[in-house]
PDB file of N, CA and C in Angstrom:
ATOM      1  N   MET A   1     -10.596 -16.164  -3.789  1.00  0.00           N
ATOM      2  CA  MET A   1     -11.877 -15.800  -3.226  1.00  0.00           C
ATOM      3  C   MET A   1     -12.956 -16.355  -4.142  1.00  0.00           C
ATOM      4  N   VAL A   2     -13.811 -17.210  -3.605  1.00  0.00           N
ATOM      5  CA  VAL A   2     -14.875 -17.777  -4.419  1.00  0.00           C
ATOM      6  C   VAL A   2     -16.244 -17.587  -3.784  1.00  0.00           C
ATOM      7  N   THR A   3     -16.345 -16.687  -2.854  1.00  0.00           N
ATOM      8  CA  THR A   3     -17.618 -16.404  -2.202  1.00  0.00           C
ATOM      9  C   THR A   3     -17.779 -14.899  -2.024  1.00  0.00           C
ATOM     10  N   GLU A   4     -19.001 -14.466  -1.898  1.00  0.00           N
ATOM     11  CA  GLU A   4     -19.281 -13.052  -1.696  1.00  0.00           C
ATOM     12  C   GLU A   4     -19.635 -12.748  -0.248  1.00  0.00           C
ATOM     13  N   TRP A   5     -19.342 -13.640   0.671  1.00  0.00           N
ATOM     14  CA  TRP A   5     -19.659 -13.423   2.076  1.00  0.00           C
ATOM     15  C   TRP A   5     -18.925 -12.201   2.594  1.00  0.00           C
ATOM     16  N   ASP A   6     -19.605 -11.423   3.419  1.00  0.00           N
ATOM     17  CA  ASP A   6     -19.026 -10.195   3.959  1.00  0.00           C
ATOM     18  C   ASP A   6     -17.765 -10.443   4.776  1.00  0.00           C
ATOM     19  N   GLU A   7     -17.651 -11.615   5.408  1.00  0.00           N
ATOM     20  CA  GLU A   7     -16.469 -11.926   6.208  1.00  0.00           C
ATOM     21  C   GLU A   7     -15.184 -11.810   5.389  1.00  0.00           C
ATOM     22  N   PHE A   8     -15.257 -12.139   4.133  1.00  0.00           N
ATOM     23  CA  PHE A   8     -14.079 -12.119   3.288  1.00  0.00           C
ATOM     24  C   PHE A   8     -13.768 -10.725   2.756  1.00  0.00           C
ATOM     25  N   LYS A   9     -14.707  -9.812   2.852  1.00  0.00           N
ATOM     26  CA  LYS A   9     -14.477  -8.439   2.414  1.00  0.00           C
ATOM     27  C   LYS A   9     -13.775  -7.624   3.499  1.00  0.00           C
ATOM     28  N   GLN A  10     -13.792  -8.121   4.739  1.00  0.00           N
ATOM     29  CA  GLN A  10     -13.269  -7.369   5.880  1.00  0.00           C
ATOM     30  C   GLN A  10     -11.974  -7.952   6.435  1.00  0.00           C
ATOM     31  N   LEU A  11     -11.248  -8.718   5.659  1.00  0.00           N
ATOM     32  CA  LEU A  11     -10.010  -9.334   6.131  1.00  0.00           C
ATOM     33  C   LEU A  11      -8.905  -8.297   6.317  1.00  0.00           C
ATOM     34  N   ASP A  12      -8.000  -8.563   7.228  1.00  0.00           N
ATOM     35  CA  ASP A  12      -6.845  -7.698   7.465  1.00  0.00           C
ATOM     36  C   ASP A  12      -5.734  -8.132   6.504  1.00  0.00           C
ATOM     37  N   PHE A  13      -5.753  -7.570   5.304  1.00  0.00           N
ATOM     38  CA  PHE A  13      -4.835  -8.017   4.267  1.00  0.00           C
ATOM     39  C   PHE A  13      -3.381  -7.681   4.573  1.00  0.00           C
ATOM     40  N   ALA A  14      -3.130  -6.630   5.325  1.00  0.00           N
ATOM     41  CA  ALA A  14      -1.751  -6.307   5.706  1.00  0.00           C
ATOM     42  C   ALA A  14      -1.192  -7.416   6.605  1.00  0.00           C
ATOM     43  N   LYS A  15      -1.987  -7.871   7.539  1.00  0.00           N
ATOM     44  CA  LYS A  15      -1.566  -8.950   8.439  1.00  0.00           C
ATOM     45  C   LYS A  15      -1.399 -10.259   7.670  1.00  0.00           C
ATOM     46  N   ILE A  16      -2.309 -10.528   6.763  1.00  0.00           N
ATOM     47  CA  ILE A  16      -2.226 -11.738   5.947  1.00  0.00           C
ATOM     48  C   ILE A  16      -0.970 -11.705   5.085  1.00  0.00           C
ATOM     49  N   TYR A  17      -0.709 -10.565   4.456  1.00  0.00           N
ATOM     50  CA  TYR A  17       0.469 -10.437   3.595  1.00  0.00           C
ATOM     51  C   TYR A  17       1.758 -10.662   4.389  1.00  0.00           C
ATOM     52  N   ALA A  18       1.819 -10.095   5.582  1.00  0.00           N
ATOM     53  CA  ALA A  18       3.015 -10.233   6.415  1.00  0.00           C
ATOM     54  C   ALA A  18       3.283 -11.684   6.788  1.00  0.00           C
ATOM     55  N   ALA A  19       2.232 -12.485   6.913  1.00  0.00           N
ATOM     56  CA  ALA A  19       2.386 -13.877   7.341  1.00  0.00           C
ATOM     57  C   ALA A  19       2.615 -14.855   6.184  1.00  0.00           C
ATOM     58  N   MET A  20       2.394 -14.401   4.963  1.00  0.00           N
ATOM     59  CA  MET A  20       2.487 -15.305   3.810  1.00  0.00           C
ATOM     60  C   MET A  20       3.912 -15.400   3.288  1.00  0.00           C
ATOM     61  N   PRO A  21       4.270 -16.585   2.738  1.00  0.00           N
ATOM     62  CA  PRO A  21       5.533 -16.662   2.015  1.00  0.00           C
ATOM     63  C   PRO A  21       5.425 -15.816   0.749  1.00  0.00           C
ATOM     64  N   LYS A  22       6.531 -15.271   0.325  1.00  0.00           N
ATOM     65  CA  LYS A  22       6.531 -14.397  -0.844  1.00  0.00           C
ATOM     66  C   LYS A  22       7.095 -15.136  -2.048  1.00  0.00           C
ATOM     67  N   PRO A  23       6.596 -14.904  -3.229  1.00  0.00           N
ATOM     68  CA  PRO A  23       5.544 -13.949  -3.559  1.00  0.00           C
ATOM     69  C   PRO A  23       4.185 -14.417  -3.032  1.00  0.00           C
ATOM     70  N   ALA A  24       3.356 -13.458  -2.623  1.00  0.00           N
ATOM     71  CA  ALA A  24       2.027 -13.727  -2.078  1.00  0.00           C
ATOM     72  C   ALA A  24       0.991 -13.487  -3.173  1.00  0.00           C
ATOM     73  N   PHE A  25       0.133 -14.469  -3.365  1.00  0.00           N
ATOM     74  CA  PHE A  25      -0.865 -14.406  -4.431  1.00  0.00           C
ATOM     75  C   PHE A  25      -2.268 -14.289  -3.861  1.00  0.00           C
ATOM     76  N   VAL A  26      -3.135 -13.549  -4.580  1.00  0.00           N
ATOM     77  CA  VAL A  26      -4.566 -13.487  -4.288  1.00  0.00           C
ATOM     78  C   VAL A  26      -5.285 -13.759  -5.603  1.00  0.00           C
ATOM     79  N   PHE A  27      -6.186 -14.728  -5.574  1.00  0.00           N
ATOM     80  CA  PHE A  27      -7.034 -15.044  -6.717  1.00  0.00           C
ATOM     81  C   PHE A  27      -8.469 -14.729  -6.317  1.00  0.00           C
ATOM     82  N   ASP A  28      -9.073 -13.742  -6.967  1.00  0.00           N
ATOM     83  CA  ASP A  28     -10.419 -13.293  -6.624  1.00  0.00           C
ATOM     84  C   ASP A  28     -11.396 -13.787  -7.681  1.00  0.00           C
ATOM     85  N   GLY A  29     -12.101 -14.851  -7.367  1.00  0.00           N
ATOM     86  CA  GLY A  29     -13.046 -15.446  -8.301  1.00  0.00           C
ATOM     87  C   GLY A  29     -14.369 -14.712  -8.402  1.00  0.00           C
ATOM     88  N   ARG A  30     -14.623 -13.768  -7.517  1.00  0.00           N
ATOM     89  CA  ARG A  30     -15.865 -12.998  -7.546  1.00  0.00           C
ATOM     90  C   ARG A  30     -15.642 -11.530  -7.881  1.00  0.00           C
ATOM     91  N   ASN A  31     -14.387 -11.144  -8.008  1.00  0.00           N
ATOM     92  CA  ASN A  31     -14.038  -9.757  -8.338  1.00  0.00           C
ATOM     93  C   ASN A  31     -14.690  -8.772  -7.366  1.00  0.00           C
ATOM     94  N   ILE A  32     -14.504  -9.030  -6.059  1.00  0.00           N
ATOM     95  CA  ILE A  32     -15.073  -8.164  -5.032  1.00  0.00           C
ATOM     96  C   ILE A  32     -14.003  -7.493  -4.182  1.00  0.00           C
ATOM     97  N   LEU A  33     -12.755  -7.849  -4.376  1.00  0.00           N
ATOM     98  CA  LEU A  33     -11.678  -7.295  -3.560  1.00  0.00           C
ATOM     99  C   LEU A  33     -11.076  -6.066  -4.218  1.00  0.00           C
ATOM    100  N   PRO A  34     -10.481  -5.183  -3.435  1.00  0.00           N
ATOM    101  CA  PRO A  34      -9.824  -3.985  -3.992  1.00  0.00           C
ATOM    102  C   PRO A  34      -8.454  -4.370  -4.572  1.00  0.00           C
ATOM    103  N   LEU A  35      -8.456  -4.877  -5.784  1.00  0.00           N
ATOM    104  CA  LEU A  35      -7.248  -5.447  -6.376  1.00  0.00           C
ATOM    105  C   LEU A  35      -6.111  -4.433  -6.477  1.00  0.00           C
ATOM    106  N   ALA A  36      -6.408  -3.187  -6.830  1.00  0.00           N
ATOM    107  CA  ALA A  36      -5.355  -2.165  -6.936  1.00  0.00           C
ATOM    108  C   ALA A  36      -4.687  -1.942  -5.581  1.00  0.00           C
ATOM    109  N   LYS A  37      -5.478  -1.887  -4.521  1.00  0.00           N
ATOM    110  CA  LYS A  37      -4.934  -1.698  -3.174  1.00  0.00           C
ATOM    111  C   LYS A  37      -4.066  -2.883  -2.767  1.00  0.00           C
ATOM    112  N   LEU A  38      -4.516  -4.086  -3.097  1.00  0.00           N
ATOM    113  CA  LEU A  38      -3.738  -5.282  -2.763  1.00  0.00           C
ATOM    114  C   LEU A  38      -2.417  -5.314  -3.531  1.00  0.00           C
ATOM    115  N   LYS A  39      -2.437  -4.859  -4.790  1.00  0.00           N
ATOM    116  CA  LYS A  39      -1.200  -4.775  -5.572  1.00  0.00           C
ATOM    117  C   LYS A  39      -0.216  -3.809  -4.922  1.00  0.00           C
ATOM    118  N   GLU A  40      -0.724  -2.675  -4.442  1.00  0.00           N
ATOM    119  CA  GLU A  40       0.130  -1.692  -3.774  1.00  0.00           C
ATOM    120  C   GLU A  40       0.781  -2.283  -2.529  1.00  0.00           C
ATOM    121  N   MET A  41       0.077  -3.183  -1.855  1.00  0.00           N
ATOM    122  CA  MET A  41       0.607  -3.819  -0.651  1.00  0.00           C
ATOM    123  C   MET A  41       1.704  -4.824  -0.980  1.00  0.00           C
ATOM    124  N   GLY A  42       1.733  -5.301  -2.220  1.00  0.00           N
ATOM    125  CA  GLY A  42       2.753  -6.257  -2.611  1.00  0.00           C
ATOM    126  C   GLY A  42       2.220  -7.584  -3.113  1.00  0.00           C
ATOM    127  N   PHE A  43       0.915  -7.794  -2.994  1.00  0.00           N
ATOM    128  CA  PHE A  43       0.326  -9.032  -3.495  1.00  0.00           C
ATOM    129  C   PHE A  43       0.423  -9.098  -5.004  1.00  0.00           C
ATOM    130  N   ARG A  44       0.481 -10.299  -5.515  1.00  0.00           N
ATOM    131  CA  ARG A  44       0.278 -10.542  -6.942  1.00  0.00           C
ATOM    132  C   ARG A  44      -1.181 -10.980  -7.046  1.00  0.00           C
ATOM    133  N   VAL A  45      -1.995 -10.154  -7.681  1.00  0.00           N
ATOM    134  CA  VAL A  45      -3.443 -10.382  -7.669  1.00  0.00           C
ATOM    135  C   VAL A  45      -3.968 -10.724  -9.041  1.00  0.00           C
ATOM    136  N   TYR A  46      -4.999 -11.564  -9.039  1.00  0.00           N
ATOM    137  CA  TYR A  46      -5.636 -11.989 -10.275  1.00  0.00           C
ATOM    138  C   TYR A  46      -7.135 -12.010 -10.058  1.00  0.00           C
ATOM    139  N   GLY A  47      -7.847 -11.240 -10.864  1.00  0.00           N
ATOM    140  CA  GLY A  47      -9.304 -11.270 -10.864  1.00  0.00           C
ATOM    141  C   GLY A  47      -9.736 -12.291 -11.902  1.00  0.00           C
ATOM    142  N   ILE A  48     -10.292 -13.369 -11.449  1.00  0.00           N
ATOM    143  CA  ILE A  48     -10.712 -14.440 -12.354  1.00  0.00           C
ATOM    144  C   ILE A  48     -11.984 -14.008 -13.079  1.00  0.00           C
ATOM    145  N   GLY A  49     -12.011 -14.168 -14.378  1.00  0.00           N
ATOM    146  CA  GLY A  49     -13.195 -13.857 -15.154  1.00  0.00           C
ATOM    147  C   GLY A  49     -13.252 -12.429 -15.665  1.00  0.00           C
ATOM    148  N   LYS A  50     -12.183 -11.675 -15.494  1.00  0.00           N
ATOM    149  CA  LYS A  50     -12.176 -10.311 -16.031  1.00  0.00           C
ATOM    150  C   LYS A  50     -11.547 -10.298 -17.386  1.00  0.00           C
TER     151      LYS A  50
END
């Protein structure tokens, strides 16, 4: 994630996770996503710049 647009804050991450090859990664360059929630779903998440 490299933008703060609202469209990216409202994504259906459960649907995205189900469609991705595993392991599924999320890289959040703006630190705007709920990283703990995404980890619980199974994503491997990285907040860039933290």
